[in-house]
């Protein structure tokens, strides 16, 4: 194994053991450009926040990660160098609706969640300075 392969393997964050082996709810981050008011009123819904992909079998899912930094990337307008304009949420999730989504060359863990999330199960942990 080359040094680069070893380095990339070290960087790559696969499914977290504490999430995989959790007996109760798990807490993960979601970056969004929704407003605080929308989140407090409706929570997160699959209809409005979900995306369908091949990796989810064509089903809509809300995407989560265990990395606050990675979630912040989804608060940007268009690309990694644009302004951060949204918020990062920490959500209480029922593991039976959560699926680890493996992704080649992705350096962070990602999970699809297949259920709406009630506002009481959402905490705002980071907000951009608009």
C-alpha atoms as a PDB file:
ATOM      1  CA  UNK A   1       0.000   0.000   0.000  1.00  0.00           C
ATOM      2  CA  UNK A   2       1.364   3.402  -0.972  1.00  0.00           C
ATOM      3  CA  UNK A   3       1.681   6.308   1.428  1.00  0.00           C
ATOM      4  CA  UNK A   4      -1.078   8.140  -0.451  1.00  0.00           C
ATOM      5  CA  UNK A   5      -3.441   5.154  -0.162  1.00  0.00           C
ATOM      6  CA  UNK A   6      -2.690   4.910   3.536  1.00  0.00           C
ATOM      7  CA  UNK A   7      -3.267   8.644   4.013  1.00  0.00           C
ATOM      8  CA  UNK A   8      -6.575   8.578   2.117  1.00  0.00           C
ATOM      9  CA  UNK A   9      -7.736   5.534   4.073  1.00  0.00           C
ATOM     10  CA  UNK A  10      -6.938   7.395   7.299  1.00  0.00           C
ATOM     11  CA  UNK A  11      -8.854  10.459   6.130  1.00  0.00           C
ATOM     12  CA  UNK A  12     -11.897   8.574   4.902  1.00  0.00           C
ATOM     13  CA  UNK A  13     -14.508   8.414   7.603  1.00  0.00           C
ATOM     14  CA  UNK A  14     -16.528   5.252   7.165  1.00  0.00           C
ATOM     15  CA  UNK A  15     -19.670   4.454   9.089  1.00  0.00           C
ATOM     16  CA  UNK A  16     -19.129   5.337  12.716  1.00  0.00           C
ATOM     17  CA  UNK A  17     -19.141   2.385  15.104  1.00  0.00           C
ATOM     18  CA  UNK A  18     -21.051   4.367  17.735  1.00  0.00           C
ATOM     19  CA  UNK A  19     -23.833   5.004  15.214  1.00  0.00           C
ATOM     20  CA  UNK A  20     -23.823   1.494  13.795  1.00  0.00           C
ATOM     21  CA  UNK A  21     -24.030  -0.047  17.288  1.00  0.00           C
ATOM     22  CA  UNK A  22     -26.365   2.523  18.890  1.00  0.00           C
ATOM     23  CA  UNK A  23     -29.287   1.059  20.837  1.00  0.00           C
ATOM     24  CA  UNK A  24     -31.321   4.268  21.025  1.00  0.00           C
ATOM     25  CA  UNK A  25     -31.533   7.460  18.972  1.00  0.00           C
ATOM     26  CA  UNK A  26     -28.457   8.902  17.262  1.00  0.00           C
ATOM     27  CA  UNK A  27     -27.505  12.557  16.806  1.00  0.00           C
ATOM     28  CA  UNK A  28     -26.148  13.752  13.447  1.00  0.00           C
ATOM     29  CA  UNK A  29     -25.609  17.060  11.621  1.00  0.00           C
ATOM     30  CA  UNK A  30     -27.467  18.488   8.639  1.00  0.00           C
ATOM     31  CA  UNK A  31     -26.432  21.660   6.814  1.00  0.00           C
ATOM     32  CA  UNK A  32     -29.212  23.672   5.192  1.00  0.00           C
ATOM     33  CA  UNK A  33     -30.045  27.046   3.719  1.00  0.00           C
ATOM     34  CA  UNK A  34     -33.526  26.927   5.290  1.00  0.00           C
ATOM     35  CA  UNK A  35     -34.327  29.667   7.766  1.00  0.00           C
ATOM     36  CA  UNK A  36     -34.499  29.208  11.531  1.00  0.00           C
ATOM     37  CA  UNK A  37     -38.188  30.144  11.394  1.00  0.00           C
ATOM     38  CA  UNK A  38     -38.931  27.388   8.846  1.00  0.00           C
ATOM     39  CA  UNK A  39     -37.100  24.800  10.927  1.00  0.00           C
ATOM     40  CA  UNK A  40     -38.885  25.804  14.144  1.00  0.00           C
ATOM     41  CA  UNK A  41     -42.276  25.750  12.421  1.00  0.00           C
ATOM     42  CA  UNK A  42     -42.077  22.616  10.243  1.00  0.00           C
ATOM     43  CA  UNK A  43     -38.910  20.730  11.144  1.00  0.00           C
ATOM     44  CA  UNK A  44     -37.311  18.879   8.243  1.00  0.00           C
ATOM     45  CA  UNK A  45     -39.552  17.095   5.781  1.00  0.00           C
ATOM     46  CA  UNK A  46     -38.583  14.592   3.115  1.00  0.00           C
ATOM     47  CA  UNK A  47     -40.838  16.433   0.653  1.00  0.00           C
ATOM     48  CA  UNK A  48     -39.003  19.766   1.031  1.00  0.00           C
ATOM     49  CA  UNK A  49     -35.495  18.666   2.066  1.00  0.00           C
ATOM     50  CA  UNK A  50     -35.043  15.223   0.612  1.00  0.00           C
ATOM     51  CA  UNK A  51     -33.165  14.311  -2.543  1.00  0.00           C
ATOM     52  CA  UNK A  52     -33.487  11.087  -4.500  1.00  0.00           C
ATOM     53  CA  UNK A  53     -30.331   9.399  -5.717  1.00  0.00           C
ATOM     54  CA  UNK A  54     -29.147   6.080  -7.038  1.00  0.00           C
ATOM     55  CA  UNK A  55     -27.377   5.578  -3.708  1.00  0.00           C
ATOM     56  CA  UNK A  56     -30.772   5.544  -1.959  1.00  0.00           C
ATOM     57  CA  UNK A  57     -32.495   3.323  -4.486  1.00  0.00           C
ATOM     58  CA  UNK A  58     -34.293   6.329  -5.983  1.00  0.00           C
ATOM     59  CA  UNK A  59     -35.992   7.180  -2.685  1.00  0.00           C
ATOM     60  CA  UNK A  60     -35.898  10.682  -1.261  1.00  0.00           C
ATOM     61  CA  UNK A  61     -33.774  11.044   1.866  1.00  0.00           C
ATOM     62  CA  UNK A  62     -32.542  13.839   4.086  1.00  0.00           C
ATOM     63  CA  UNK A  63     -28.734  13.733   4.297  1.00  0.00           C
ATOM     64  CA  UNK A  64     -26.735  13.684   7.537  1.00  0.00           C
ATOM     65  CA  UNK A  65     -23.140  13.363   8.710  1.00  0.00           C
ATOM     66  CA  UNK A  66     -21.285  13.076  11.999  1.00  0.00           C
ATOM     67  CA  UNK A  67     -18.990  15.952  10.906  1.00  0.00           C
ATOM     68  CA  UNK A  68     -19.965  19.525  11.777  1.00  0.00           C
ATOM     69  CA  UNK A  69     -17.393  20.848   9.258  1.00  0.00           C
ATOM     70  CA  UNK A  70     -18.820  18.719   6.448  1.00  0.00           C
ATOM     71  CA  UNK A  71     -22.386  19.803   7.271  1.00  0.00           C
ATOM     72  CA  UNK A  72     -21.276  23.449   7.038  1.00  0.00           C
ATOM     73  CA  UNK A  73     -20.397  22.891   3.358  1.00  0.00           C
ATOM     74  CA  UNK A  74     -24.115  22.524   2.647  1.00  0.00           C
ATOM     75  CA  UNK A  75     -24.834  26.002   3.975  1.00  0.00           C
ATOM     76  CA  UNK A  76     -23.028  27.650   1.065  1.00  0.00           C
ATOM     77  CA  UNK A  77     -24.690  29.362  -1.898  1.00  0.00           C
ATOM     78  CA  UNK A  78     -23.114  27.423  -4.735  1.00  0.00           C
ATOM     79  CA  UNK A  79     -19.604  26.070  -4.171  1.00  0.00           C
ATOM     80  CA  UNK A  80     -16.907  25.566  -1.535  1.00  0.00           C
ATOM     81  CA  UNK A  81     -15.549  29.121  -1.883  1.00  0.00           C
ATOM     82  CA  UNK A  82     -18.904  30.913  -1.741  1.00  0.00           C
ATOM     83  CA  UNK A  83     -20.376  32.500   1.367  1.00  0.00           C
ATOM     84  CA  UNK A  84     -21.977  30.422   4.067  1.00  0.00           C
ATOM     85  CA  UNK A  85     -25.603  31.514   4.262  1.00  0.00           C
ATOM     86  CA  UNK A  86     -27.428  28.828   6.232  1.00  0.00           C
ATOM     87  CA  UNK A  87     -27.510  26.877   9.462  1.00  0.00           C
ATOM     88  CA  UNK A  88     -26.303  23.538  10.757  1.00  0.00           C
ATOM     89  CA  UNK A  89     -28.737  21.385  12.683  1.00  0.00           C
ATOM     90  CA  UNK A  90     -28.065  18.586  15.120  1.00  0.00           C
ATOM     91  CA  UNK A  91     -30.954  16.160  14.877  1.00  0.00           C
ATOM     92  CA  UNK A  92     -32.169  13.304  17.044  1.00  0.00           C
ATOM     93  CA  UNK A  93     -32.768  10.406  14.665  1.00  0.00           C
ATOM     94  CA  UNK A  94     -34.405   7.005  14.962  1.00  0.00           C
ATOM     95  CA  UNK A  95     -31.830   4.509  13.708  1.00  0.00           C
ATOM     96  CA  UNK A  96     -34.403   2.342  11.927  1.00  0.00           C
ATOM     97  CA  UNK A  97     -34.920   5.100   9.307  1.00  0.00           C
ATOM     98  CA  UNK A  98     -31.180   5.783   8.900  1.00  0.00           C
ATOM     99  CA  UNK A  99     -28.954   4.212   6.261  1.00  0.00           C
ATOM    100  CA  UNK A 100     -25.186   4.631   5.874  1.00  0.00           C
ATOM    101  CA  UNK A 101     -24.409   5.663   2.309  1.00  0.00           C
ATOM    102  CA  UNK A 102     -20.948   4.642   1.150  1.00  0.00           C
ATOM    103  CA  UNK A 103     -19.444   6.942  -1.421  1.00  0.00           C
ATOM    104  CA  UNK A 104     -16.131   6.590  -3.273  1.00  0.00           C
ATOM    105  CA  UNK A 105     -13.622   9.359  -2.593  1.00  0.00           C
ATOM    106  CA  UNK A 106     -15.834  11.006  -0.009  1.00  0.00           C
ATOM    107  CA  UNK A 107     -13.833  11.940   3.042  1.00  0.00           C
ATOM    108  CA  UNK A 108     -16.796  12.079   5.415  1.00  0.00           C
ATOM    109  CA  UNK A 109     -19.540   9.712   6.477  1.00  0.00           C
ATOM    110  CA  UNK A 110     -22.996  10.292   5.011  1.00  0.00           C
ATOM    111  CA  UNK A 111     -26.355   8.881   6.012  1.00  0.00           C
ATOM    112  CA  UNK A 112     -29.744   9.020   4.352  1.00  0.00           C
ATOM    113  CA  UNK A 113     -32.747   9.476   6.649  1.00  0.00           C
ATOM    114  CA  UNK A 114     -36.131   8.369   5.330  1.00  0.00           C
ATOM    115  CA  UNK A 115     -38.532  10.072   7.715  1.00  0.00           C
ATOM    116  CA  UNK A 116     -39.612  13.643   8.526  1.00  0.00           C
ATOM    117  CA  UNK A 117     -38.030  15.199  11.612  1.00  0.00           C
ATOM    118  CA  UNK A 118     -40.152  17.050  14.148  1.00  0.00           C
ATOM    119  CA  UNK A 119     -38.929  20.498  15.298  1.00  0.00           C
ATOM    120  CA  UNK A 120     -38.543  19.241  18.895  1.00  0.00           C
ATOM    121  CA  UNK A 121     -35.852  16.819  17.670  1.00  0.00           C
ATOM    122  CA  UNK A 122     -33.769  19.576  16.064  1.00  0.00           C
ATOM    123  CA  UNK A 123     -31.148  21.798  17.670  1.00  0.00           C
ATOM    124  CA  UNK A 124     -29.504  24.684  15.804  1.00  0.00           C
ATOM    125  CA  UNK A 125     -25.777  24.348  16.484  1.00  0.00           C
ATOM    126  CA  UNK A 126     -24.273  26.796  13.970  1.00  0.00           C
ATOM    127  CA  UNK A 127     -25.609  29.824  12.121  1.00  0.00           C
ATOM    128  CA  UNK A 128     -23.903  31.915   9.437  1.00  0.00           C
ATOM    129  CA  UNK A 129     -23.381  35.607  10.026  1.00  0.00           C
ATOM    130  CA  UNK A 130     -25.454  36.917   7.109  1.00  0.00           C
END
